[in-house]
Amino acid sequence: MSLQTLFEQAAAKSKTLPAQSNDILLKIYGLYKQGSEGDVNIEKPTNFFDVVGNAKYNAWAELKGISKDEAQQKYIDLINSL
């Protein structure tokens, strides 16, 4: 089975997980975005009070330089560990 197929299956499985901490949710988000789109390609939110937007941006930006394949594998491993 291809890595892309396993990644898509993990993404579907992520929607059925029990409630997770914000830290885990941000890791899931960052790895998903890196695995699906590559390096962050959006502007950092300029509103200091956009706490969620800034946290999501930072979670994705921290993974800059990691290949899509590596991010997809880490995403799959994380989802399967939860």
PDB file of N, CA and C in Angstrom:
ATOM      1  N   MET A   1       0.855  -1.177   0.000  1.00  0.00           N
ATOM      2  CA  MET A   1       0.000   0.000   0.000  1.00  0.00           C
ATOM      3  C   MET A   1       0.902   1.242   0.000  1.00  0.00           C
ATOM      4  N   SER A   2       0.545   2.252  -0.760  1.00  0.00           N
ATOM      5  CA  SER A   2       1.388   3.440  -0.882  1.00  0.00           C
ATOM      6  C   SER A   2       1.312   4.312   0.375  1.00  0.00           C
ATOM      7  N   LEU A   3       2.356   5.103   0.559  1.00  0.00           N
ATOM      8  CA  LEU A   3       2.409   6.021   1.692  1.00  0.00           C
ATOM      9  C   LEU A   3       1.240   7.001   1.629  1.00  0.00           C
ATOM     10  N   GLN A   4       0.913   7.486   0.429  1.00  0.00           N
ATOM     11  CA  GLN A   4      -0.196   8.429   0.265  1.00  0.00           C
ATOM     12  C   GLN A   4      -1.520   7.803   0.710  1.00  0.00           C
ATOM     13  N   THR A   5      -1.740   6.543   0.373  1.00  0.00           N
ATOM     14  CA  THR A   5      -2.965   5.846   0.778  1.00  0.00           C
ATOM     15  C   THR A   5      -3.015   5.689   2.290  1.00  0.00           C
ATOM     16  N   LEU A   6      -1.894   5.307   2.890  1.00  0.00           N
ATOM     17  CA  LEU A   6      -1.836   5.171   4.352  1.00  0.00           C
ATOM     18  C   LEU A   6      -2.070   6.515   5.035  1.00  0.00           C
ATOM     19  N   PHE A   7      -1.535   7.588   4.431  1.00  0.00           N
ATOM     20  CA  PHE A   7      -1.724   8.942   4.962  1.00  0.00           C
ATOM     21  C   PHE A   7      -3.202   9.330   4.930  1.00  0.00           C
ATOM     22  N   GLU A   8      -3.852   9.046   3.823  1.00  0.00           N
ATOM     23  CA  GLU A   8      -5.280   9.358   3.694  1.00  0.00           C
ATOM     24  C   GLU A   8      -6.116   8.540   4.671  1.00  0.00           C
ATOM     25  N   GLN A   9      -5.737   7.289   4.880  1.00  0.00           N
ATOM     26  CA  GLN A   9      -6.453   6.456   5.854  1.00  0.00           C
ATOM     27  C   GLN A   9      -6.262   6.992   7.269  1.00  0.00           C
ATOM     28  N   ALA A  10      -5.043   7.433   7.577  1.00  0.00           N
ATOM     29  CA  ALA A  10      -4.777   8.005   8.905  1.00  0.00           C
ATOM     30  C   ALA A  10      -5.572   9.292   9.095  1.00  0.00           C
ATOM     31  N   ALA A  11      -5.697  10.089   8.032  1.00  0.00           N
ATOM     32  CA  ALA A  11      -6.477  11.325   8.115  1.00  0.00           C
ATOM     33  C   ALA A  11      -7.937  11.014   8.423  1.00  0.00           C
ATOM     34  N   ALA A  12      -8.468   9.984   7.789  1.00  0.00           N
ATOM     35  CA  ALA A  12      -9.853   9.578   8.066  1.00  0.00           C
ATOM     36  C   ALA A  12      -9.978   9.064   9.500  1.00  0.00           C
ATOM     37  N   LYS A  13      -8.998   8.291   9.938  1.00  0.00           N
ATOM     38  CA  LYS A  13      -9.013   7.752  11.299  1.00  0.00           C
ATOM     39  C   LYS A  13      -8.925   8.872  12.335  1.00  0.00           C
ATOM     40  N   SER A  14      -8.212   9.945  12.011  1.00  0.00           N
ATOM     41  CA  SER A  14      -8.024  11.048  12.970  1.00  0.00           C
ATOM     42  C   SER A  14      -9.350  11.683  13.363  1.00  0.00           C
ATOM     43  N   LYS A  15     -10.330  11.606  12.483  1.00  0.00           N
ATOM     44  CA  LYS A  15     -11.642  12.202  12.763  1.00  0.00           C
ATOM     45  C   LYS A  15     -12.446  11.391  13.780  1.00  0.00           C
ATOM     46  N   THR A  16     -12.016  10.163  14.045  1.00  0.00           N
ATOM     47  CA  THR A  16     -12.749   9.303  14.981  1.00  0.00           C
ATOM     48  C   THR A  16     -12.011   9.122  16.308  1.00  0.00           C
ATOM     49  N   LEU A  17     -10.907   9.840  16.479  1.00  0.00           N
ATOM     50  CA  LEU A  17     -10.139   9.711  17.720  1.00  0.00           C
ATOM     51  C   LEU A  17     -10.891  10.334  18.890  1.00  0.00           C
ATOM     52  N   PRO A  18     -10.648   9.827  20.096  1.00  0.00           N
ATOM     53  CA  PRO A  18     -11.218  10.490  21.272  1.00  0.00           C
ATOM     54  C   PRO A  18     -10.571  11.866  21.439  1.00  0.00           C
ATOM     55  N   ALA A  19     -11.108  12.673  22.313  1.00  0.00           N
ATOM     56  CA  ALA A  19     -10.587  14.020  22.547  1.00  0.00           C
ATOM     57  C   ALA A  19      -9.102  13.962  22.882  1.00  0.00           C
ATOM     58  N   GLN A  20      -8.352  14.915  22.341  1.00  0.00           N
ATOM     59  CA  GLN A  20      -6.909  14.984  22.550  1.00  0.00           C
ATOM     60  C   GLN A  20      -6.545  16.354  23.129  1.00  0.00           C
ATOM     61  N   SER A  21      -5.354  16.434  23.716  1.00  0.00           N
ATOM     62  CA  SER A  21      -4.876  17.715  24.255  1.00  0.00           C
ATOM     63  C   SER A  21      -4.575  18.665  23.097  1.00  0.00           C
ATOM     64  N   ASN A  22      -4.524  19.945  23.403  1.00  0.00           N
ATOM     65  CA  ASN A  22      -4.221  20.933  22.372  1.00  0.00           C
ATOM     66  C   ASN A  22      -2.846  20.692  21.760  1.00  0.00           C
ATOM     67  N   ASP A  23      -1.870  20.263  22.565  1.00  0.00           N
ATOM     68  CA  ASP A  23      -0.529  19.986  22.043  1.00  0.00           C
ATOM     69  C   ASP A  23      -0.577  18.892  20.977  1.00  0.00           C
ATOM     70  N   ILE A  24      -1.304  17.832  21.259  1.00  0.00           N
ATOM     71  CA  ILE A  24      -1.416  16.729  20.295  1.00  0.00           C
ATOM     72  C   ILE A  24      -2.159  17.204  19.047  1.00  0.00           C
ATOM     73  N   LEU A  25      -3.223  17.956  19.232  1.00  0.00           N
ATOM     74  CA  LEU A  25      -3.987  18.459  18.085  1.00  0.00           C
ATOM     75  C   LEU A  25      -3.122  19.340  17.195  1.00  0.00           C
ATOM     76  N   LEU A  26      -2.255  20.153  17.791  1.00  0.00           N
ATOM     77  CA  LEU A  26      -1.367  21.003  16.995  1.00  0.00           C
ATOM     78  C   LEU A  26      -0.324  20.175  16.255  1.00  0.00           C
ATOM     79  N   LYS A  27       0.176  19.107  16.876  1.00  0.00           N
ATOM     80  CA  LYS A  27       1.111  18.214  16.186  1.00  0.00           C
ATOM     81  C   LYS A  27       0.422  17.554  15.002  1.00  0.00           C
ATOM     82  N   ILE A  28      -0.806  17.087  15.227  1.00  0.00           N
ATOM     83  CA  ILE A  28      -1.574  16.463  14.155  1.00  0.00           C
ATOM     84  C   ILE A  28      -1.750  17.457  13.005  1.00  0.00           C
ATOM     85  N   TYR A  29      -2.156  18.674  13.336  1.00  0.00           N
ATOM     86  CA  TYR A  29      -2.386  19.701  12.314  1.00  0.00           C
ATOM     87  C   TYR A  29      -1.110  19.995  11.525  1.00  0.00           C
ATOM     88  N   GLY A  30      -0.016  20.247  12.242  1.00  0.00           N
ATOM     89  CA  GLY A  30       1.236  20.598  11.585  1.00  0.00           C
ATOM     90  C   GLY A  30       1.731  19.493  10.666  1.00  0.00           C
ATOM     91  N   LEU A  31       1.696  18.261  11.160  1.00  0.00           N
ATOM     92  CA  LEU A  31       2.147  17.135  10.335  1.00  0.00           C
ATOM     93  C   LEU A  31       1.229  16.926   9.128  1.00  0.00           C
ATOM     94  N   TYR A  32      -0.068  17.108   9.325  1.00  0.00           N
ATOM     95  CA  TYR A  32      -0.998  16.955   8.200  1.00  0.00           C
ATOM     96  C   TYR A  32      -0.708  18.001   7.119  1.00  0.00           C
ATOM     97  N   LYS A  33      -0.563  19.249   7.530  1.00  0.00           N
ATOM     98  CA  LYS A  33      -0.318  20.320   6.559  1.00  0.00           C
ATOM     99  C   LYS A  33       1.024  20.121   5.854  1.00  0.00           C
ATOM    100  N   GLN A  34       2.066  19.743   6.598  1.00  0.00           N
ATOM    101  CA  GLN A  34       3.374  19.519   5.997  1.00  0.00           C
ATOM    102  C   GLN A  34       3.325  18.326   5.042  1.00  0.00           C
ATOM    103  N   GLY A  35       2.592  17.295   5.445  1.00  0.00           N
ATOM    104  CA  GLY A  35       2.485  16.097   4.616  1.00  0.00           C
ATOM    105  C   GLY A  35       1.630  16.278   3.378  1.00  0.00           C
ATOM    106  N   SER A  36       0.701  17.208   3.431  1.00  0.00           N
ATOM    107  CA  SER A  36      -0.179  17.399   2.288  1.00  0.00           C
ATOM    108  C   SER A  36       0.229  18.578   1.406  1.00  0.00           C
ATOM    109  N   GLU A  37       0.823  19.618   1.998  1.00  0.00           N
ATOM    110  CA  GLU A  37       1.140  20.820   1.221  1.00  0.00           C
ATOM    111  C   GLU A  37       2.624  21.164   1.184  1.00  0.00           C
ATOM    112  N   GLY A  38       3.424  20.590   2.066  1.00  0.00           N
ATOM    113  CA  GLY A  38       4.836  20.956   2.136  1.00  0.00           C
ATOM    114  C   GLY A  38       5.032  22.148   3.071  1.00  0.00           C
ATOM    115  N   ASP A  39       6.141  22.856   2.885  1.00  0.00           N
ATOM    116  CA  ASP A  39       6.464  23.979   3.774  1.00  0.00           C
ATOM    117  C   ASP A  39       5.343  25.009   3.814  1.00  0.00           C
ATOM    118  N   VAL A  40       5.245  25.666   4.969  1.00  0.00           N
ATOM    119  CA  VAL A  40       4.194  26.654   5.191  1.00  0.00           C
ATOM    120  C   VAL A  40       4.170  27.646   4.029  1.00  0.00           C
ATOM    121  N   ASN A  41       2.969  27.908   3.522  1.00  0.00           N
ATOM    122  CA  ASN A  41       2.821  28.752   2.334  1.00  0.00           C
ATOM    123  C   ASN A  41       1.783  29.851   2.538  1.00  0.00           C
ATOM    124  N   ILE A  42       1.565  30.213   3.797  1.00  0.00           N
ATOM    125  CA  ILE A  42       0.617  31.275   4.114  1.00  0.00           C
ATOM    126  C   ILE A  42       1.326  32.318   4.971  1.00  0.00           C
ATOM    127  N   GLU A  43       0.747  33.497   5.022  1.00  0.00           N
ATOM    128  CA  GLU A  43       1.286  34.561   5.860  1.00  0.00           C
ATOM    129  C   GLU A  43       0.988  34.262   7.328  1.00  0.00           C
ATOM    130  N   LYS A  44       1.925  34.619   8.193  1.00  0.00           N
ATOM    131  CA  LYS A  44       1.682  34.479   9.626  1.00  0.00           C
ATOM    132  C   LYS A  44       0.565  35.460  10.005  1.00  0.00           C
ATOM    133  N   PRO A  45      -0.385  35.000  10.836  1.00  0.00           N
ATOM    134  CA  PRO A  45      -1.459  35.916  11.247  1.00  0.00           C
ATOM    135  C   PRO A  45      -0.868  37.166  11.896  1.00  0.00           C
ATOM    136  N   THR A  46      -1.381  38.330  11.519  1.00  0.00           N
ATOM    137  CA  THR A  46      -0.857  39.583  12.061  1.00  0.00           C
ATOM    138  C   THR A  46      -1.579  40.015  13.326  1.00  0.00           C
ATOM    139  N   ASN A  47      -2.721  39.424  13.595  1.00  0.00           N
ATOM    140  CA  ASN A  47      -3.483  39.759  14.791  1.00  0.00           C
ATOM    141  C   ASN A  47      -2.921  38.980  15.969  1.00  0.00           C
ATOM    142  N   PHE A  48      -2.288  39.682  16.897  1.00  0.00           N
ATOM    143  CA  PHE A  48      -1.688  39.057  18.070  1.00  0.00           C
ATOM    144  C   PHE A  48      -2.725  38.260  18.867  1.00  0.00           C
ATOM    145  N   PHE A  49      -3.957  38.689  18.837  1.00  0.00           N
ATOM    146  CA  PHE A  49      -5.005  38.048  19.628  1.00  0.00           C
ATOM    147  C   PHE A  49      -5.615  36.823  18.937  1.00  0.00           C
ATOM    148  N   ASP A  50      -5.172  36.524  17.730  1.00  0.00           N
ATOM    149  CA  ASP A  50      -5.618  35.318  17.031  1.00  0.00           C
ATOM    150  C   ASP A  50      -4.765  34.146  17.535  1.00  0.00           C
ATOM    151  N   VAL A  51      -5.041  33.733  18.756  1.00  0.00           N
ATOM    152  CA  VAL A  51      -4.232  32.715  19.427  1.00  0.00           C
ATOM    153  C   VAL A  51      -4.262  31.400  18.655  1.00  0.00           C
ATOM    154  N   VAL A  52      -5.430  30.988  18.211  1.00  0.00           N
ATOM    155  CA  VAL A  52      -5.559  29.722  17.487  1.00  0.00           C
ATOM    156  C   VAL A  52      -4.817  29.791  16.155  1.00  0.00           C
ATOM    157  N   GLY A  53      -5.029  30.848  15.412  1.00  0.00           N
ATOM    158  CA  GLY A  53      -4.368  31.010  14.124  1.00  0.00           C
ATOM    159  C   GLY A  53      -2.854  31.024  14.250  1.00  0.00           C
ATOM    160  N   ASN A  54      -2.348  31.739  15.261  1.00  0.00           N
ATOM    161  CA  ASN A  54      -0.911  31.789  15.490  1.00  0.00           C
ATOM    162  C   ASN A  54      -0.356  30.430  15.906  1.00  0.00           C
ATOM    163  N   ALA A  55      -1.070  29.713  16.749  1.00  0.00           N
ATOM    164  CA  ALA A  55      -0.617  28.394  17.199  1.00  0.00           C
ATOM    165  C   ALA A  55      -0.571  27.418  16.028  1.00  0.00           C
ATOM    166  N   LYS A  56      -1.591  27.455  15.180  1.00  0.00           N
ATOM    167  CA  LYS A  56      -1.617  26.562  14.024  1.00  0.00           C
ATOM    168  C   LYS A  56      -0.500  26.911  13.042  1.00  0.00           C
ATOM    169  N   TYR A  57      -0.299  28.197  12.805  1.00  0.00           N
ATOM    170  CA  TYR A  57       0.776  28.625  11.917  1.00  0.00           C
ATOM    171  C   TYR A  57       2.123  28.137  12.452  1.00  0.00           C
ATOM    172  N   ASN A  58       2.377  28.347  13.737  1.00  0.00           N
ATOM    173  CA  ASN A  58       3.645  27.942  14.343  1.00  0.00           C
ATOM    174  C   ASN A  58       3.847  26.430  14.296  1.00  0.00           C
ATOM    175  N   ALA A  59       2.779  25.662  14.517  1.00  0.00           N
ATOM    176  CA  ALA A  59       2.878  24.201  14.481  1.00  0.00           C
ATOM    177  C   ALA A  59       3.299  23.728  13.092  1.00  0.00           C
ATOM    178  N   TRP A  60       2.810  24.383  12.064  1.00  0.00           N
ATOM    179  CA  TRP A  60       3.167  24.032  10.695  1.00  0.00           C
ATOM    180  C   TRP A  60       4.568  24.551  10.359  1.00  0.00           C
ATOM    181  N   ALA A  61       4.853  25.812  10.730  1.00  0.00           N
ATOM    182  CA  ALA A  61       6.132  26.431  10.378  1.00  0.00           C
ATOM    183  C   ALA A  61       7.313  25.705  11.037  1.00  0.00           C
ATOM    184  N   GLU A  62       7.102  25.121  12.210  1.00  0.00           N
ATOM    185  CA  GLU A  62       8.173  24.397  12.902  1.00  0.00           C
ATOM    186  C   GLU A  62       8.649  23.184  12.105  1.00  0.00           C
ATOM    187  N   LEU A  63       7.859  22.712  11.180  1.00  0.00           N
ATOM    188  CA  LEU A  63       8.193  21.524  10.395  1.00  0.00           C
ATOM    189  C   LEU A  63       8.844  21.877   9.051  1.00  0.00           C
ATOM    190  N   LYS A  64       9.132  23.149   8.842  1.00  0.00           N
ATOM    191  CA  LYS A  64       9.717  23.595   7.577  1.00  0.00           C
ATOM    192  C   LYS A  64      10.978  22.789   7.278  1.00  0.00           C
ATOM    193  N   GLY A  65      11.068  22.328   6.044  1.00  0.00           N
ATOM    194  CA  GLY A  65      12.239  21.580   5.609  1.00  0.00           C
ATOM    195  C   GLY A  65      12.075  20.075   5.666  1.00  0.00           C
ATOM    196  N   ILE A  66      11.059  19.604   6.381  1.00  0.00           N
ATOM    197  CA  ILE A  66      10.790  18.166   6.439  1.00  0.00           C
ATOM    198  C   ILE A  66      10.064  17.776   5.148  1.00  0.00           C
ATOM    199  N   SER A  67      10.498  16.703   4.529  1.00  0.00           N
ATOM    200  CA  SER A  67       9.870  16.285   3.274  1.00  0.00           C
ATOM    201  C   SER A  67       8.419  15.866   3.513  1.00  0.00           C
ATOM    202  N   LYS A  68       7.638  15.912   2.452  1.00  0.00           N
ATOM    203  CA  LYS A  68       6.242  15.479   2.550  1.00  0.00           C
ATOM    204  C   LYS A  68       6.164  14.022   2.996  1.00  0.00           C
ATOM    205  N   ASP A  69       7.039  13.176   2.433  1.00  0.00           N
ATOM    206  CA  ASP A  69       7.014  11.756   2.792  1.00  0.00           C
ATOM    207  C   ASP A  69       7.320  11.538   4.269  1.00  0.00           C
ATOM    208  N   GLU A  70       8.321  12.251   4.779  1.00  0.00           N
ATOM    209  CA  GLU A  70       8.671  12.111   6.192  1.00  0.00           C
ATOM    210  C   GLU A  70       7.534  12.599   7.088  1.00  0.00           C
ATOM    211  N   ALA A  71       6.937  13.730   6.715  1.00  0.00           N
ATOM    212  CA  ALA A  71       5.810  14.263   7.493  1.00  0.00           C
ATOM    213  C   ALA A  71       4.625  13.303   7.454  1.00  0.00           C
ATOM    214  N   GLN A  72       4.367  12.710   6.293  1.00  0.00           N
ATOM    215  CA  GLN A  72       3.260  11.762   6.186  1.00  0.00           C
ATOM    216  C   GLN A  72       3.507  10.552   7.078  1.00  0.00           C
ATOM    217  N   GLN A  73       4.738  10.044   7.096  1.00  0.00           N
ATOM    218  CA  GLN A  73       5.048   8.882   7.931  1.00  0.00           C
ATOM    219  C   GLN A  73       4.910   9.220   9.408  1.00  0.00           C
ATOM    220  N   LYS A  74       5.387  10.400   9.806  1.00  0.00           N
ATOM    221  CA  LYS A  74       5.260  10.823  11.212  1.00  0.00           C
ATOM    222  C   LYS A  74       3.786  11.000  11.586  1.00  0.00           C
ATOM    223  N   TYR A  75       3.000  11.523  10.653  1.00  0.00           N
ATOM    224  CA  TYR A  75       1.559  11.688  10.880  1.00  0.00           C
ATOM    225  C   TYR A  75       0.895  10.337  11.086  1.00  0.00           C
ATOM    226  N   ILE A  76       1.190   9.397  10.198  1.00  0.00           N
ATOM    227  CA  ILE A  76       0.623   8.044  10.303  1.00  0.00           C
ATOM    228  C   ILE A  76       0.998   7.413  11.648  1.00  0.00           C
ATOM    229  N   ASP A  77       2.276   7.525  12.014  1.00  0.00           N
ATOM    230  CA  ASP A  77       2.745   6.952  13.276  1.00  0.00           C
ATOM    231  C   ASP A  77       2.041   7.594  14.476  1.00  0.00           C
ATOM    232  N   LEU A  78       1.888   8.918  14.428  1.00  0.00           N
ATOM    233  CA  LEU A  78       1.224   9.605  15.544  1.00  0.00           C
ATOM    234  C   LEU A  78      -0.233   9.191  15.660  1.00  0.00           C
ATOM    235  N   ILE A  79      -0.958   9.175  14.561  1.00  0.00           N
ATOM    236  CA  ILE A  79      -2.383   8.800  14.595  1.00  0.00           C
ATOM    237  C   ILE A  79      -2.526   7.354  15.106  1.00  0.00           C
ATOM    238  N   ASN A  80      -1.681   6.459  14.625  1.00  0.00           N
ATOM    239  CA  ASN A  80      -1.771   5.060  15.046  1.00  0.00           C
ATOM    240  C   ASN A  80      -1.392   4.863  16.510  1.00  0.00           C
ATOM    241  N   SER A  81      -0.639   5.806  17.083  1.00  0.00           N
ATOM    242  CA  SER A  81      -0.241   5.682  18.492  1.00  0.00           C
ATOM    243  C   SER A  81      -1.316   6.191  19.446  1.00  0.00           C
ATOM    244  N   LEU A  82      -2.309   6.903  18.905  1.00  0.00           N
ATOM    245  CA  LEU A  82      -3.343   7.497  19.770  1.00  0.00           C
ATOM    246  C   LEU A  82      -4.519   6.562  19.970  1.00  0.00           C
TER     247      LEU A  82
END
